[in-house]
Protein backbone atom coordinates (compact mmCIF):
# COMPACT_ATOMS: atom_id res chain seq x y z
CA MET A 1 -43.02 -29.99 -27.96
CA ASN A 2 -40.49 -31.36 -25.51
CA ALA A 3 -37.01 -32.44 -26.54
CA ASP A 4 -38.10 -36.08 -26.27
CA GLY A 5 -40.83 -35.59 -28.87
CA THR A 6 -43.69 -35.48 -26.41
CA GLY A 7 -46.29 -32.77 -26.30
CA ASP A 8 -49.91 -32.19 -26.96
CA PRO A 9 -51.32 -33.52 -30.25
CA ASP A 10 -51.42 -30.08 -31.88
CA GLN A 11 -47.75 -29.51 -31.14
CA LEU A 12 -46.84 -32.90 -32.54
CA MET A 13 -48.86 -32.30 -35.71
CA GLU A 14 -47.22 -28.90 -36.18
CA ALA A 15 -43.75 -30.40 -35.66
CA ASP A 16 -44.50 -33.16 -38.20
CA GLU A 17 -45.72 -30.62 -40.74
CA GLN A 18 -42.65 -28.45 -40.20
CA ARG A 19 -40.35 -31.48 -40.56
CA ARG A 20 -42.03 -32.49 -43.83
CA ASP A 21 -41.73 -28.93 -45.14
CA VAL A 22 -38.02 -28.70 -44.28
CA ALA A 23 -37.37 -32.13 -45.83
CA ARG A 24 -39.25 -31.17 -48.99
CA ARG A 25 -37.32 -27.90 -49.29
CA PHE A 26 -34.02 -29.71 -48.75
CA ARG A 27 -34.80 -32.24 -51.50
CA SER A 28 -35.56 -29.38 -53.90
CA THR A 29 -32.18 -27.68 -53.33
CA GLN A 30 -28.86 -28.52 -54.92
CA VAL A 31 -27.02 -28.17 -51.61
CA PRO A 32 -25.27 -31.35 -50.42
CA MET A 33 -26.32 -32.51 -46.95
CA ILE A 34 -22.78 -32.21 -45.54
CA LYS A 35 -22.50 -28.62 -46.75
CA LEU A 36 -25.87 -27.77 -45.21
CA TRP A 37 -24.93 -29.47 -41.93
CA THR A 38 -21.57 -27.67 -41.80
CA TYR A 39 -23.25 -24.31 -42.38
CA TYR A 40 -25.98 -25.10 -39.81
CA TYR A 41 -23.33 -26.15 -37.28
CA GLY A 42 -21.45 -22.91 -37.91
CA LEU A 43 -24.63 -20.99 -37.10
CA GLY A 44 -24.68 -22.67 -33.68
CA GLY A 45 -26.56 -25.88 -34.45
CA ASP A 46 -25.89 -28.73 -32.08
CA ALA A 47 -27.36 -31.77 -33.85
CA ASP A 48 -24.73 -34.25 -35.00
CA GLU A 49 -24.56 -35.28 -38.66
CA MET A 50 -26.55 -38.49 -38.12
CA SER A 51 -29.39 -36.71 -36.29
CA PHE A 52 -29.37 -33.94 -38.90
CA ASP A 53 -29.62 -36.48 -41.72
CA ALA A 54 -32.40 -38.35 -39.90
CA TYR A 55 -34.33 -35.09 -39.48
CA LEU A 56 -33.99 -34.26 -43.18
CA ASN A 57 -35.29 -37.74 -43.97
CA GLU A 58 -38.29 -37.26 -41.64
CA ALA A 59 -37.14 -39.91 -39.18
CA LEU A 60 -36.38 -37.73 -36.15
CA HIS A 61 -37.74 -34.66 -34.40
CA LEU A 62 -35.44 -31.81 -33.41
CA PRO A 63 -36.18 -28.92 -31.06
CA ALA A 64 -37.74 -25.84 -32.67
CA SER A 65 -34.56 -23.81 -32.12
CA GLN A 66 -32.58 -26.32 -34.19
CA VAL A 67 -35.22 -26.42 -36.92
CA ALA A 68 -35.02 -22.62 -37.15
CA LEU A 69 -31.24 -22.87 -37.65
CA ILE A 70 -31.71 -25.47 -40.39
CA ALA A 71 -34.21 -23.21 -42.14
CA THR A 72 -31.79 -20.27 -41.84
CA ALA A 73 -28.93 -22.32 -43.23
CA MET A 74 -31.03 -23.48 -46.19
CA ARG A 75 -32.22 -19.95 -46.91
CA GLU A 76 -28.72 -18.44 -46.70
CA LEU A 77 -27.08 -21.16 -48.78
CA SER A 78 -29.82 -20.95 -51.40
CA ALA A 79 -29.25 -17.19 -51.59
CA GLY A 80 -25.48 -17.64 -51.90
CA GLY A 81 -24.83 -16.63 -48.29
CA ASP A 82 -21.72 -18.80 -48.07
CA GLN A 83 -19.81 -16.92 -50.74
């Protein structure tokens, strides 16, 4: 998928599924959004807080590289990686 959210239908469906999965996992954690964003940003993420929040609420697509960083941040915070 391109940065502007365009791509072939299969790519768009995969991106939507991935976004729903990340949003669902975020809602099931006890990690505050600002803490997750700060950790993600520290890993090299470049989405601002508003875009990050919109992504977690399934209202915005982010590039796959940024989604991977969000998933890493969630996994590490859930495992106590910030201690």
